[in-house]
C-alpha atoms as a PDB file:
ATOM      1  CA  MET A   1     165.651 126.371-112.034  1.00  0.00           C
ATOM      2  CA  ALA A   2     167.334 124.285-114.682  1.00  0.00           C
ATOM      3  CA  ALA A   3     167.013 120.528-115.048  1.00  0.00           C
ATOM      4  CA  PRO A   4     169.235 118.227-112.992  1.00  0.00           C
ATOM      5  CA  GLN A   5     172.829 118.257-114.140  1.00  0.00           C
ATOM      6  CA  GLY A   6     175.466 115.572-113.724  1.00  0.00           C
ATOM      7  CA  SER A   7     175.303 112.439-111.595  1.00  0.00           C
ATOM      8  CA  ILE A   8     174.996 111.824-107.886  1.00  0.00           C
ATOM      9  CA  ALA A   9     176.449 108.784-106.166  1.00  0.00           C
ATOM     10  CA  MET A  10     176.997 107.503-102.663  1.00  0.00           C
ATOM     11  CA  VAL A  11     180.644 106.987-101.772  1.00  0.00           C
ATOM     12  CA  PRO A  12     180.494 103.459-100.273  1.00  0.00           C
ATOM     13  CA  SER A  13     183.827 103.540 -98.509  1.00  0.00           C
ATOM     14  CA  ARG A  14     182.646 106.381 -96.319  1.00  0.00           C
ATOM     15  CA  CYS A  15     179.049 105.353 -95.587  1.00  0.00           C
ATOM     16  CA  THR A  16     178.421 104.636 -91.938  1.00  0.00           C
ATOM     17  CA  ALA A  17     175.429 104.157 -89.684  1.00  0.00           C
ATOM     18  CA  GLU A  18     175.448 105.040 -85.992  1.00  0.00           C
ATOM     19  CA  THR A  19     172.957 104.652 -83.176  1.00  0.00           C
ATOM     20  CA  GLN A  20     172.058 108.342 -82.988  1.00  0.00           C
ATOM     21  CA  THR A  21     173.394 109.570 -86.340  1.00  0.00           C
ATOM     22  CA  SER A  22     172.816 108.568 -89.944  1.00  0.00           C
ATOM     23  CA  ARG A  23     175.901 109.479 -91.934  1.00  0.00           C
ATOM     24  CA  ALA A  24     176.768 109.185 -95.616  1.00  0.00           C
ATOM     25  CA  LYS A  25     178.898 110.820 -98.229  1.00  0.00           C
ATOM     26  CA  VAL A  26     177.720 111.636-101.738  1.00  0.00           C
ATOM     27  CA  ALA A  27     179.615 112.717-104.841  1.00  0.00           C
ATOM     28  CA  PHE A  28     178.030 115.149-107.323  1.00  0.00           C
ATOM     29  CA  GLU A  29     179.753 115.053-110.721  1.00  0.00           C
ATOM     30  CA  ILE A  30     179.217 118.129-112.901  1.00  0.00           C
ATOM     31  CA  ALA A  31     179.968 117.513-116.577  1.00  0.00           C
ATOM     32  CA  ASP A  32     180.496 120.246-119.204  1.00  0.00           C
ATOM     33  CA  TYR A  33     181.779 122.579-116.539  1.00  0.00           C
ATOM     34  CA  SER A  34     183.031 125.231-118.985  1.00  0.00           C
ATOM     35  CA  HIS A  35     179.690 125.406-120.789  1.00  0.00           C
ATOM     36  CA  LEU A  36     177.872 126.150-117.521  1.00  0.00           C
ATOM     37  CA  LYS A  37     179.955 129.183-116.708  1.00  0.00           C
ATOM     38  CA  GLY A  38     178.106 132.295-117.747  1.00  0.00           C
ATOM     39  CA  LEU A  39     174.728 130.866-116.814  1.00  0.00           C
ATOM     40  CA  GLY A  40     174.218 133.973-114.697  1.00  0.00           C
ATOM     41  CA  ARG A  41     174.139 134.901-111.058  1.00  0.00           C
ATOM     42  CA  ASP A  42     171.486 133.116-108.986  1.00  0.00           C
ATOM     43  CA  LYS A  43     170.991 130.542-111.746  1.00  0.00           C
ATOM     44  CA  CYS A  44     171.427 127.035-110.438  1.00  0.00           C
ATOM     45  CA  LEU A  45     171.409 123.370-111.228  1.00  0.00           C
ATOM     46  CA  HIS A  46     170.659 120.607-108.818  1.00  0.00           C
ATOM     47  CA  SER A  47     171.696 117.011-108.403  1.00  0.00           C
ATOM     48  CA  SER A  48     169.426 114.021-108.445  1.00  0.00           C
ATOM     49  CA  ALA A  49     167.735 113.379-105.117  1.00  0.00           C
ATOM     50  CA  PHE A  50     169.285 111.034-102.541  1.00  0.00           C
ATOM     51  CA  PHE A  51     168.206 109.770 -99.110  1.00  0.00           C
ATOM     52  CA  ILE A  52     170.129 109.988 -95.843  1.00  0.00           C
ATOM     53  CA  GLY A  53     168.515 109.329 -92.452  1.00  0.00           C
ATOM     54  CA  ASP A  54     165.093 108.753 -94.047  1.00  0.00           C
ATOM     55  CA  TYR A  55     165.145 112.287 -95.452  1.00  0.00           C
ATOM     56  CA  LYS A  56     165.317 113.366 -99.098  1.00  0.00           C
ATOM     57  CA  TRP A  57     168.155 115.698-100.187  1.00  0.00           C
ATOM     58  CA  CYS A  58     169.862 117.226-103.197  1.00  0.00           C
ATOM     59  CA  ILE A  59     172.868 119.441-103.870  1.00  0.00           C
ATOM     60  CA  ARG A  60     172.261 122.815-105.514  1.00  0.00           C
ATOM     61  CA  TYR A  61     175.068 124.313-107.624  1.00  0.00           C
ATOM     62  CA  TYR A  62     175.309 127.957-108.782  1.00  0.00           C
ATOM     63  CA  PRO A  63     178.060 128.187-111.491  1.00  0.00           C
ATOM     64  CA  ASP A  64     178.231 132.008-111.292  1.00  0.00           C
ATOM     65  CA  GLY A  65     177.336 132.434-107.643  1.00  0.00           C
ATOM     66  CA  SER A  66     174.079 133.037-105.833  1.00  0.00           C
ATOM     67  CA  ALA A  67     172.129 136.287-105.662  1.00  0.00           C
ATOM     68  CA  TYR A  68     174.518 137.670-103.060  1.00  0.00           C
ATOM     69  CA  GLU A  69     176.734 140.271-104.822  1.00  0.00           C
ATOM     70  CA  ALA A  70     179.895 139.266-103.010  1.00  0.00           C
ATOM     71  CA  THR A  71     179.751 135.875-104.742  1.00  0.00           C
ATOM     72  CA  GLU A  72     180.968 137.365-108.032  1.00  0.00           C
ATOM     73  CA  GLY A  73     183.952 135.334-109.202  1.00  0.00           C
ATOM     74  CA  TYR A  74     182.860 132.361-107.117  1.00  0.00           C
ATOM     75  CA  MET A  75     180.557 129.371-107.480  1.00  0.00           C
ATOM     76  CA  SER A  76     178.022 128.669-104.707  1.00  0.00           C
ATOM     77  CA  VAL A  77     176.969 125.222-103.408  1.00  0.00           C
ATOM     78  CA  PHE A  78     174.151 124.296-101.015  1.00  0.00           C
ATOM     79  CA  LEU A  79     172.757 121.158 -99.406  1.00  0.00           C
ATOM     80  CA  VAL A  80     168.959 121.211 -99.718  1.00  0.00           C
ATOM     81  CA  LEU A  81     166.316 119.323 -97.720  1.00  0.00           C
ATOM     82  CA  LEU A  82     163.545 118.138-100.078  1.00  0.00           C
ATOM     83  CA  THR A  83     161.370 116.321 -97.534  1.00  0.00           C
ATOM     84  CA  LYS A  84     158.310 118.454 -96.886  1.00  0.00           C
ATOM     85  CA  ASN A  85     157.334 119.716 -93.432  1.00  0.00           C
ATOM     86  CA  ALA A  86     160.449 118.232 -91.834  1.00  0.00           C
ATOM     87  CA  GLU A  87     162.885 119.680 -89.330  1.00  0.00           C
ATOM     88  CA  VAL A  88     166.304 118.053 -89.184  1.00  0.00           C
ATOM     89  CA  ARG A  89     169.563 118.805 -87.375  1.00  0.00           C
ATOM     90  CA  VAL A  90     172.519 118.133 -89.646  1.00  0.00           C
ATOM     91  CA  VAL A  91     176.285 118.447 -89.667  1.00  0.00           C
ATOM     92  CA  TYR A  92     177.522 118.678 -93.250  1.00  0.00           C
ATOM     93  CA  THR A  93     180.889 119.084 -94.941  1.00  0.00           C
ATOM     94  CA  LEU A  94     181.370 120.265 -98.528  1.00  0.00           C
ATOM     95  CA  MET A  95     184.495 119.157-100.400  1.00  0.00           C
ATOM     96  CA  LEU A  96     186.235 119.561-103.737  1.00  0.00           C
ATOM     97  CA  VAL A  97     188.003 116.591-105.314  1.00  0.00           C
ATOM     98  CA  ASN A  98     191.484 117.035-106.778  1.00  0.00           C
ATOM     99  CA  ARG A  99     191.050 115.098-110.027  1.00  0.00           C
ATOM    100  CA  VAL A 100     194.760 114.317-110.282  1.00  0.00           C
ATOM    101  CA  SER A 101     195.482 113.095-106.756  1.00  0.00           C
ATOM    102  CA  GLY A 102     191.901 112.011-105.962  1.00  0.00           C
ATOM    103  CA  GLN A 103     192.177 113.770-102.611  1.00  0.00           C
ATOM    104  CA  SER A 104     189.078 115.410-101.132  1.00  0.00           C
ATOM    105  CA  ILE A 105     189.711 118.971 -99.975  1.00  0.00           C
ATOM    106  CA  VAL A 106     187.356 120.275 -97.306  1.00  0.00           C
ATOM    107  CA  VAL A 107     185.970 123.733 -97.910  1.00  0.00           C
ATOM    108  CA  PRO A 108     185.549 125.187 -94.397  1.00  0.00           C
ATOM    109  CA  SER A 109     181.898 125.662 -93.496  1.00  0.00           C
ATOM    110  CA  GLY A 110     181.816 125.336 -89.704  1.00  0.00           C
ATOM    111  CA  LYS A 111     181.237 122.258 -87.535  1.00  0.00           C
ATOM    112  CA  ALA A 112     178.099 123.320 -85.696  1.00  0.00           C
ATOM    113  CA  PRO A 113     174.853 121.476 -86.540  1.00  0.00           C
ATOM    114  CA  ARG A 114     172.443 123.322 -88.812  1.00  0.00           C
ATOM    115  CA  VAL A 115     168.677 123.056 -88.599  1.00  0.00           C
ATOM    116  CA  PHE A 116     166.985 122.363 -91.934  1.00  0.00           C
ATOM    117  CA  ASN A 117     163.268 123.160 -91.925  1.00  0.00           C
ATOM    118  CA  PRO A 118     160.577 124.646 -94.222  1.00  0.00           C
ATOM    119  CA  LYS A 119     161.777 128.194 -93.468  1.00  0.00           C
ATOM    120  CA  MET A 120     165.444 127.354 -93.993  1.00  0.00           C
ATOM    121  CA  PRO A 121     165.615 124.264 -96.255  1.00  0.00           C
ATOM    122  CA  ALA A 122     169.105 124.969 -97.652  1.00  0.00           C
ATOM    123  CA  TRP A 123     172.497 125.531 -96.091  1.00  0.00           C
ATOM    124  CA  GLY A 124     175.829 125.844 -97.846  1.00  0.00           C
ATOM    125  CA  LEU A 125     178.606 128.175 -99.010  1.00  0.00           C
ATOM    126  CA  GLN A 126     178.144 131.345-100.996  1.00  0.00           C
ATOM    127  CA  LYS A 127     181.855 131.342-101.862  1.00  0.00           C
ATOM    128  CA  PHE A 128     182.484 127.660-102.402  1.00  0.00           C
ATOM    129  CA  MET A 129     185.228 127.908-105.065  1.00  0.00           C
ATOM    130  CA  LYS A 130     186.898 130.711-106.997  1.00  0.00           C
ATOM    131  CA  THR A 131     186.244 130.408-110.710  1.00  0.00           C
ATOM    132  CA  THR A 132     189.745 131.437-111.744  1.00  0.00           C
ATOM    133  CA  ALA A 133     191.840 129.455-114.197  1.00  0.00           C
ATOM    134  CA  GLU A 134     194.410 128.725-111.483  1.00  0.00           C
ATOM    135  CA  VAL A 135     191.881 127.100-109.154  1.00  0.00           C
ATOM    136  CA  GLU A 136     190.012 125.368-111.949  1.00  0.00           C
ATOM    137  CA  SER A 137     193.221 123.726-113.133  1.00  0.00           C
ATOM    138  CA  VAL A 138     193.367 121.813-109.823  1.00  0.00           C
ATOM    139  CA  TYR A 139     189.757 120.649-109.597  1.00  0.00           C
ATOM    140  CA  VAL A 140     188.419 120.552-113.152  1.00  0.00           C
ATOM    141  CA  TRP A 141     189.566 117.579-115.243  1.00  0.00           C
ATOM    142  CA  ASN A 142     188.266 116.749-118.701  1.00  0.00           C
ATOM    143  CA  ASP A 143     185.782 119.599-118.195  1.00  0.00           C
ATOM    144  CA  CYS A 144     184.317 117.792-115.189  1.00  0.00           C
ATOM    145  CA  LEU A 145     184.064 118.956-111.569  1.00  0.00           C
ATOM    146  CA  VAL A 146     183.297 116.670-108.606  1.00  0.00           C
ATOM    147  CA  ILE A 147     181.758 118.052-105.431  1.00  0.00           C
ATOM    148  CA  GLU A 148     181.473 115.824-102.374  1.00  0.00           C
ATOM    149  CA  CYS A 149     179.181 116.339 -99.427  1.00  0.00           C
ATOM    150  CA  GLU A 150     179.323 114.367 -96.194  1.00  0.00           C
ATOM    151  CA  VAL A 151     176.026 114.540 -94.324  1.00  0.00           C
ATOM    152  CA  SER A 152     175.366 113.496 -90.725  1.00  0.00           C
ATOM    153  CA  VAL A 153     171.687 113.510 -89.816  1.00  0.00           C
ATOM    154  CA  ILE A 154     171.373 113.733 -86.041  1.00  0.00           C
ATOM    155  CA  LYS A 155     168.559 111.560 -84.751  1.00  0.00           C
ATOM    156  CA  GLU A 156     166.878 113.433 -81.953  1.00  0.00           C
ATOM    157  CA  THR A 157     165.957 111.285 -78.964  1.00  0.00           C
ATOM    158  CA  LEU A 158     164.030 112.838 -76.119  1.00  0.00           C
ATOM    159  CA  ASN A 159     165.672 111.429 -73.025  1.00  0.00           C
ATOM    160  CA  ILE A 160     163.585 112.503 -70.057  1.00  0.00           C
ATOM    161  CA  HIS A 161     164.068 110.656 -66.807  1.00  0.00           C
ATOM    162  CA  VAL A 162     160.664 109.569 -65.552  1.00  0.00           C
ATOM    163  CA  PRO A 163     160.801 108.641 -61.877  1.00  0.00           C
ATOM    164  CA  PRO A 164     159.134 105.393 -60.833  1.00  0.00           C
ATOM    165  CA  SER A 165     155.589 105.557 -59.580  1.00  0.00           C
ATOM    166  CA  ASP A 166     155.306 106.449 -55.910  1.00  0.00           C
ATOM    167  CA  LEU A 167     151.640 105.472 -55.662  1.00  0.00           C
ATOM    168  CA  SER A 168     152.350 102.511 -53.388  1.00  0.00           C
ATOM    169  CA  ASP A 169     154.459 104.737 -51.117  1.00  0.00           C
ATOM    170  CA  ASN A 170     151.656 107.271 -50.966  1.00  0.00           C
ATOM    171  CA  LEU A 171     149.114 104.597 -50.079  1.00  0.00           C
ATOM    172  CA  ALA A 172     151.441 103.214 -47.414  1.00  0.00           C
ATOM    173  CA  THR A 173     151.664 106.728 -45.964  1.00  0.00           C
ATOM    174  CA  LEU A 174     147.878 106.985 -46.091  1.00  0.00           C
ATOM    175  CA  LEU A 175     147.609 103.752 -44.115  1.00  0.00           C
ATOM    176  CA  VAL A 176     150.142 104.771 -41.500  1.00  0.00           C
ATOM    177  CA  GLY A 177     148.925 108.372 -41.242  1.00  0.00           C
ATOM    178  CA  LYS A 178     145.272 107.326 -40.798  1.00  0.00           C
ATOM    179  CA  ILE A 179     144.048 110.476 -42.585  1.00  0.00           C
ATOM    180  CA  GLY A 180     140.445 110.068 -43.699  1.00  0.00           C
ATOM    181  CA  ALA A 181     140.090 106.626 -42.098  1.00  0.00           C
ATOM    182  CA  ASP A 182     136.444 105.637 -41.732  1.00  0.00           C
ATOM    183  CA  VAL A 183     136.632 102.087 -40.406  1.00  0.00           C
ATOM    184  CA  SER A 184     138.660 100.354 -37.672  1.00  0.00           C
ATOM    185  CA  PHE A 185     139.769  96.751 -37.279  1.00  0.00           C
ATOM    186  CA  LYS A 186     140.181  95.378 -33.786  1.00  0.00           C
ATOM    187  CA  VAL A 187     142.655  92.513 -33.617  1.00  0.00           C
ATOM    188  CA  GLN A 188     143.371  91.053 -30.187  1.00  0.00           C
ATOM    189  CA  GLY A 189     143.251  94.432 -28.516  1.00  0.00           C
ATOM    190  CA  GLU A 190     145.062  96.407 -31.231  1.00  0.00           C
ATOM    191  CA  VAL A 191     143.209  98.869 -33.472  1.00  0.00           C
ATOM    192  CA  PHE A 192     144.021  99.395 -37.178  1.00  0.00           C
ATOM    193  CA  PRO A 193     142.252 102.372 -38.860  1.00  0.00           C
ATOM    194  CA  ALA A 194     141.584 101.959 -42.622  1.00  0.00           C
ATOM    195  CA  HIS A 195     139.551 103.303 -45.558  1.00  0.00           C
ATOM    196  CA  LYS A 196     136.401 101.585 -46.778  1.00  0.00           C
ATOM    197  CA  ASN A 197     136.618 102.650 -50.434  1.00  0.00           C
ATOM    198  CA  LEU A 198     140.165 101.393 -50.841  1.00  0.00           C
ATOM    199  CA  LEU A 199     139.450  98.126 -49.048  1.00  0.00           C
ATOM    200  CA  ALA A 200     136.332  97.535 -51.137  1.00  0.00           C
ATOM    201  CA  MET A 201     138.264  98.193 -54.347  1.00  0.00           C
ATOM    202  CA  ARG A 202     141.125  95.852 -53.417  1.00  0.00           C
ATOM    203  CA  TRP A 203     139.343  93.171 -51.424  1.00  0.00           C
ATOM    204  CA  ALA A 204     136.198  91.425 -52.631  1.00  0.00           C
ATOM    205  CA  VAL A 205     135.333  90.311 -49.098  1.00  0.00           C
ATOM    206  CA  PHE A 206     134.993  93.892 -47.892  1.00  0.00           C
ATOM    207  CA  ASN A 207     133.352  95.083 -51.070  1.00  0.00           C
ATOM    208  CA  ALA A 208     130.526  92.722 -50.128  1.00  0.00           C
ATOM    209  CA  GLU A 209     130.837  93.672 -46.458  1.00  0.00           C
ATOM    210  CA  PHE A 210     130.460  97.407 -47.099  1.00  0.00           C
ATOM    211  CA  TYR A 211     128.499  97.731 -50.330  1.00  0.00           C
ATOM    212  CA  GLY A 212     126.890  94.354 -51.066  1.00  0.00           C
ATOM    213  CA  PRO A 213     123.128  93.683 -50.814  1.00  0.00           C
ATOM    214  CA  MET A 214     123.577  92.352 -47.290  1.00  0.00           C
ATOM    215  CA  GLY A 215     126.349  94.767 -46.386  1.00  0.00           C
ATOM    216  CA  ASP A 216     126.409  97.440 -43.721  1.00  0.00           C
ATOM    217  CA  LYS A 217     127.601 100.759 -45.136  1.00  0.00           C
ATOM    218  CA  GLY A 218     127.540 102.333 -41.696  1.00  0.00           C
ATOM    219  CA  VAL A 219     129.816  99.814 -40.006  1.00  0.00           C
ATOM    220  CA  GLN A 220     132.797 101.451 -38.311  1.00  0.00           C
ATOM    221  CA  ASP A 221     134.297  98.704 -36.165  1.00  0.00           C
ATOM    222  CA  ILE A 222     135.207  95.224 -37.381  1.00  0.00           C
ATOM    223  CA  ILE A 223     136.616  92.491 -35.161  1.00  0.00           C
ATOM    224  CA  ILE A 224     139.201  90.121 -36.650  1.00  0.00           C
ATOM    225  CA  ASP A 225     139.633  87.074 -34.433  1.00  0.00           C
ATOM    226  CA  ASP A 226     141.530  84.701 -36.732  1.00  0.00           C
ATOM    227  CA  MET A 227     144.825  86.611 -37.119  1.00  0.00           C
ATOM    228  CA  GLN A 228     147.577  87.886 -34.899  1.00  0.00           C
ATOM    229  CA  PRO A 229     148.045  91.693 -34.924  1.00  0.00           C
ATOM    230  CA  ALA A 230     151.445  91.504 -36.652  1.00  0.00           C
ATOM    231  CA  VAL A 231     150.010  89.258 -39.372  1.00  0.00           C
ATOM    232  CA  PHE A 232     146.987  91.498 -39.902  1.00  0.00           C
ATOM    233  CA  LYS A 233     149.239  94.567 -40.096  1.00  0.00           C
ATOM    234  CA  ALA A 234     151.260  92.884 -42.867  1.00  0.00           C
ATOM    235  CA  PHE A 235     148.043  91.744 -44.534  1.00  0.00           C
ATOM    236  CA  LEU A 236     146.676  95.297 -44.514  1.00  0.00           C
ATOM    237  CA  HIS A 237     149.969  96.615 -45.872  1.00  0.00           C
ATOM    238  CA  PHE A 238     149.662  94.287 -48.881  1.00  0.00           C
ATOM    239  CA  ILE A 239     146.091  95.406 -49.550  1.00  0.00           C
ATOM    240  CA  TYR A 240     147.197  99.060 -49.680  1.00  0.00           C
ATOM    241  CA  THR A 241     150.503  98.670 -51.549  1.00  0.00           C
ATOM    242  CA  ASP A 242     150.277  95.371 -53.479  1.00  0.00           C
ATOM    243  CA  SER A 243     153.591  94.370 -51.901  1.00  0.00           C
ATOM    244  CA  MET A 244     154.872  92.542 -48.864  1.00  0.00           C
ATOM    245  CA  PRO A 245     156.189  94.623 -45.981  1.00  0.00           C
ATOM    246  CA  SER A 246     159.869  94.443 -45.168  1.00  0.00           C
ATOM    247  CA  MET A 247     160.771  91.472 -42.973  1.00  0.00           C
ATOM    248  CA  ASP A 248     164.500  92.145 -42.727  1.00  0.00           C
ATOM    249  CA  ASP A 249     164.279  92.478 -38.957  1.00  0.00           C
ATOM    250  CA  LEU A 250     162.971  88.913 -38.549  1.00  0.00           C
ATOM    251  CA  GLU A 251     165.041  85.768 -38.147  1.00  0.00           C
ATOM    252  CA  ASP A 252     164.617  83.140 -40.860  1.00  0.00           C
ATOM    253  CA  ASP A 253     162.314  80.950 -38.767  1.00  0.00           C
ATOM    254  CA  ASP A 254     160.149  83.912 -37.715  1.00  0.00           C
ATOM    255  CA  LYS A 255     160.001  85.164 -41.287  1.00  0.00           C
ATOM    256  CA  ARG A 256     158.900  81.723 -42.495  1.00  0.00           C
ATOM    257  CA  GLU A 257     156.171  81.599 -39.838  1.00  0.00           C
ATOM    258  CA  MET A 258     154.950  85.071 -40.778  1.00  0.00           C
ATOM    259  CA  VAL A 259     154.683  84.110 -44.468  1.00  0.00           C
ATOM    260  CA  LYS A 260     152.860  80.875 -43.564  1.00  0.00           C
ATOM    261  CA  HIS A 261     150.294  82.858 -41.558  1.00  0.00           C
ATOM    262  CA  LEU A 262     149.891  85.297 -44.440  1.00  0.00           C
ATOM    263  CA  LEU A 263     149.345  82.411 -46.860  1.00  0.00           C
ATOM    264  CA  VAL A 264     146.586  81.041 -44.636  1.00  0.00           C
ATOM    265  CA  ALA A 265     144.976  84.490 -44.437  1.00  0.00           C
ATOM    266  CA  ALA A 266     145.283  85.011 -48.182  1.00  0.00           C
ATOM    267  CA  ASP A 267     143.573  81.678 -48.804  1.00  0.00           C
ATOM    268  CA  LYS A 268     140.740  82.433 -46.392  1.00  0.00           C
ATOM    269  CA  TYR A 269     140.077  85.937 -47.698  1.00  0.00           C
ATOM    270  CA  ALA A 270     140.573  85.113 -51.397  1.00  0.00           C
ATOM    271  CA  MET A 271     143.690  87.257 -51.971  1.00  0.00           C
ATOM    272  CA  GLU A 272     145.099  85.185 -54.807  1.00  0.00           C
ATOM    273  CA  MET A 273     148.043  87.428 -55.698  1.00  0.00           C
ATOM    274  CA  MET A 274     149.199  87.510 -52.095  1.00  0.00           C
ATOM    275  CA  LYS A 275     148.802  83.754 -51.863  1.00  0.00           C
ATOM    276  CA  MET A 276     151.003  83.214 -54.919  1.00  0.00           C
ATOM    277  CA  ILE A 277     153.698  85.518 -53.510  1.00  0.00           C
ATOM    278  CA  CYS A 278     153.650  83.596 -50.233  1.00  0.00           C
ATOM    279  CA  GLU A 279     154.005  80.306 -52.146  1.00  0.00           C
ATOM    280  CA  GLU A 280     157.021  81.681 -54.003  1.00  0.00           C
ATOM    281  CA  MET A 281     158.672  82.966 -50.813  1.00  0.00           C
ATOM    282  CA  LEU A 282     158.162  79.677 -48.975  1.00  0.00           C
ATOM    283  CA  GLY A 283     159.345  77.677 -51.980  1.00  0.00           C
ATOM    284  CA  ARG A 284     162.658  79.558 -51.981  1.00  0.00           C
ATOM    285  CA  GLY A 285     163.330  78.726 -48.335  1.00  0.00           C
ATOM    286  CA  LEU A 286     162.883  74.950 -48.317  1.00  0.00           C
ATOM    287  CA  ASP A 287     165.217  72.652 -46.373  1.00  0.00           C
ATOM    288  CA  VAL A 288     165.149  68.976 -45.387  1.00  0.00           C
ATOM    289  CA  GLU A 289     163.748  69.734 -41.913  1.00  0.00           C
ATOM    290  CA  THR A 290     160.799  71.834 -43.046  1.00  0.00           C
ATOM    291  CA  VAL A 291     159.907  70.594 -46.542  1.00  0.00           C
ATOM    292  CA  ALA A 292     157.510  67.880 -45.331  1.00  0.00           C
ATOM    293  CA  THR A 293     155.643  70.348 -43.103  1.00  0.00           C
ATOM    294  CA  MET A 294     155.521  72.812 -45.986  1.00  0.00           C
ATOM    295  CA  LEU A 295     154.154  70.094 -48.257  1.00  0.00           C
ATOM    296  CA  ALA A 296     151.328  69.418 -45.808  1.00  0.00           C
ATOM    297  CA  LEU A 297     150.566  73.147 -45.673  1.00  0.00           C
ATOM    298  CA  ALA A 298     150.528  73.353 -49.482  1.00  0.00           C
ATOM    299  CA  ASP A 299     148.154  70.418 -49.726  1.00  0.00           C
ATOM    300  CA  GLN A 300     145.824  71.776 -47.056  1.00  0.00           C
ATOM    301  CA  TYR A 301     145.456  75.195 -48.679  1.00  0.00           C
ATOM    302  CA  HIS A 302     145.513  74.016 -52.301  1.00  0.00           C
ATOM    303  CA  CYS A 303     148.838  75.650 -53.181  1.00  0.00           C
ATOM    304  CA  SER A 304     149.778  73.712 -56.304  1.00  0.00           C
ATOM    305  CA  ASN A 305     152.930  75.729 -57.032  1.00  0.00           C
ATOM    306  CA  LEU A 306     154.304  75.253 -53.522  1.00  0.00           C
ATOM    307  CA  LYS A 307     153.332  71.586 -53.543  1.00  0.00           C
ATOM    308  CA  ASP A 308     155.268  70.975 -56.761  1.00  0.00           C
ATOM    309  CA  ALA A 309     158.261  72.879 -55.395  1.00  0.00           C
ATOM    310  CA  CYS A 310     158.291  70.732 -52.232  1.00  0.00           C
ATOM    311  CA  ILE A 311     158.117  67.433 -54.094  1.00  0.00           C
ATOM    312  CA  GLU A 312     160.763  68.552 -56.574  1.00  0.00           C
ATOM    313  CA  PHE A 313     163.018  69.516 -53.663  1.00  0.00           C
ATOM    314  CA  MET A 314     162.531  66.115 -52.036  1.00  0.00           C
ATOM    315  CA  LEU A 315     163.303  64.217 -55.230  1.00  0.00           C
ATOM    316  CA  SER A 316     166.388  66.192 -56.211  1.00  0.00           C
ATOM    317  CA  SER A 317     169.966  65.739 -55.030  1.00  0.00           C
ATOM    318  CA  ASN A 318     169.217  62.503 -53.120  1.00  0.00           C
ATOM    319  CA  ARG A 319     167.586  64.351 -50.227  1.00  0.00           C
ATOM    320  CA  MET A 320     164.807  61.809 -49.681  1.00  0.00           C
ATOM    321  CA  ASP A 321     166.592  59.841 -46.942  1.00  0.00           C
ATOM    322  CA  ASP A 322     167.173  62.988 -44.899  1.00  0.00           C
ATOM    323  CA  VAL A 323     163.585  64.132 -45.436  1.00  0.00           C
ATOM    324  CA  ILE A 324     162.178  60.775 -44.301  1.00  0.00           C
ATOM    325  CA  ALA A 325     164.253  61.019 -41.115  1.00  0.00           C
ATOM    326  CA  SER A 326     162.753  64.408 -40.188  1.00  0.00           C
ATOM    327  CA  GLN A 327     159.959  64.918 -37.673  1.00  0.00           C
ATOM    328  CA  GLY A 328     157.941  66.759 -40.280  1.00  0.00           C
ATOM    329  CA  TYR A 329     157.805  63.678 -42.488  1.00  0.00           C
ATOM    330  CA  ALA A 330     156.637  61.511 -39.572  1.00  0.00           C
ATOM    331  CA  HIS A 331     153.793  63.961 -38.993  1.00  0.00           C
ATOM    332  CA  LEU A 332     153.050  63.972 -42.726  1.00  0.00           C
ATOM    333  CA  LYS A 333     152.672  60.185 -42.727  1.00  0.00           C
ATOM    334  CA  ARG A 334     150.162  60.329 -39.897  1.00  0.00           C
ATOM    335  CA  SER A 335     148.125  63.301 -41.040  1.00  0.00           C
ATOM    336  CA  CYS A 336     148.304  63.062 -44.866  1.00  0.00           C
ATOM    337  CA  PRO A 337     148.872  59.452 -45.945  1.00  0.00           C
ATOM    338  CA  VAL A 338     147.419  60.146 -49.395  1.00  0.00           C
ATOM    339  CA  LEU A 339     150.026  62.866 -49.914  1.00  0.00           C
ATOM    340  CA  VAL A 340     152.813  60.439 -48.973  1.00  0.00           C
ATOM    341  CA  VAL A 341     151.523  58.039 -51.620  1.00  0.00           C
ATOM    342  CA  ASP A 342     151.651  60.891 -54.150  1.00  0.00           C
ATOM    343  CA  VAL A 343     155.273  61.566 -53.244  1.00  0.00           C
ATOM    344  CA  PHE A 344     156.084  57.863 -53.487  1.00  0.00           C
ATOM    345  CA  GLU A 345     154.519  57.579 -56.940  1.00  0.00           C
ATOM    346  CA  ARG A 346     156.427  60.586 -58.217  1.00  0.00           C
ATOM    347  CA  THR A 347     159.627  59.131 -56.794  1.00  0.00           C
ATOM    348  CA  VAL A 348     159.111  55.890 -58.702  1.00  0.00           C
ATOM    349  CA  LYS A 349     158.335  57.744 -61.927  1.00  0.00           C
ATOM    350  CA  SER A 350     161.409  59.949 -61.587  1.00  0.00           C
ATOM    351  CA  ARG A 351     163.678  56.939 -61.206  1.00  0.00           C
ATOM    352  CA  LYS A 352     162.308  55.378 -64.376  1.00  0.00           C
ATOM    353  CA  THR A 353     163.048  58.436 -66.487  1.00  0.00           C
END
């Protein structure tokens, strides 16, 4: 192969970049056109290398046609991938430039993407241009020929839809279906079958209960006497699925009471994540009638997030007068006077700022 011939340049007015496609247009200028004719079939020259879509390319030019016999009387032009061990899908267009009008004339080569890879690194046209005087008079000017090539490198993105994990659904089914259950909880007459290994993994209390030094691996029946059955059922659901059960069928007051009971249970049995979720749920449902009661609950069970939310609610939007008039606040004054002082101090500080 001969040394590089002519110059290669990007055509800036036609360079674009797209989300899935890197596209650019290059111009290959071949000087001393007449002196290259007669080089011989399958003898070629190539342009300087250029980069499109992070891949290295060049244009290969055969003045007297490629090895294919039918190319006699024609020149052949190919786009060549120089990047090693790469596979790239490309749409390319080869063009001749009319040196008088400056117009680019597309030489038909098909619109389907071509795959450039180590086995097929070059694609192009065997019969790119006739080398007759009539044709050359249109495209050759001052013994110079310009070939343009527009290249669109298609960026392959593997778009596979991965469904969300259904592990929590499967565990919920395991809980409801009772398959393989090896322990039962008795709560005020109701029985809830469960699985020791899962409980021990999720709940430190039962890890110690079943597998600790003082634990009883053979225990099969456990009595829970500090929760209502509905609360324990929700509590067990959280242990299995790491999520709260649906409470859409409950009225607002009943839902609030359920979450309060779950917060108390979460505090007692050291379920910190559940406790935080309960705090967040109760903090979103504050009103002037219940905020003082909720503040007392937060203080009793060391719920700092809920406590801050309650005090912020009381201090904002001039709600304090309505809160003070509520029964919950009267109870708060009697049962938690220190907490009332805390609210008072924050009120004073907020008015100073």
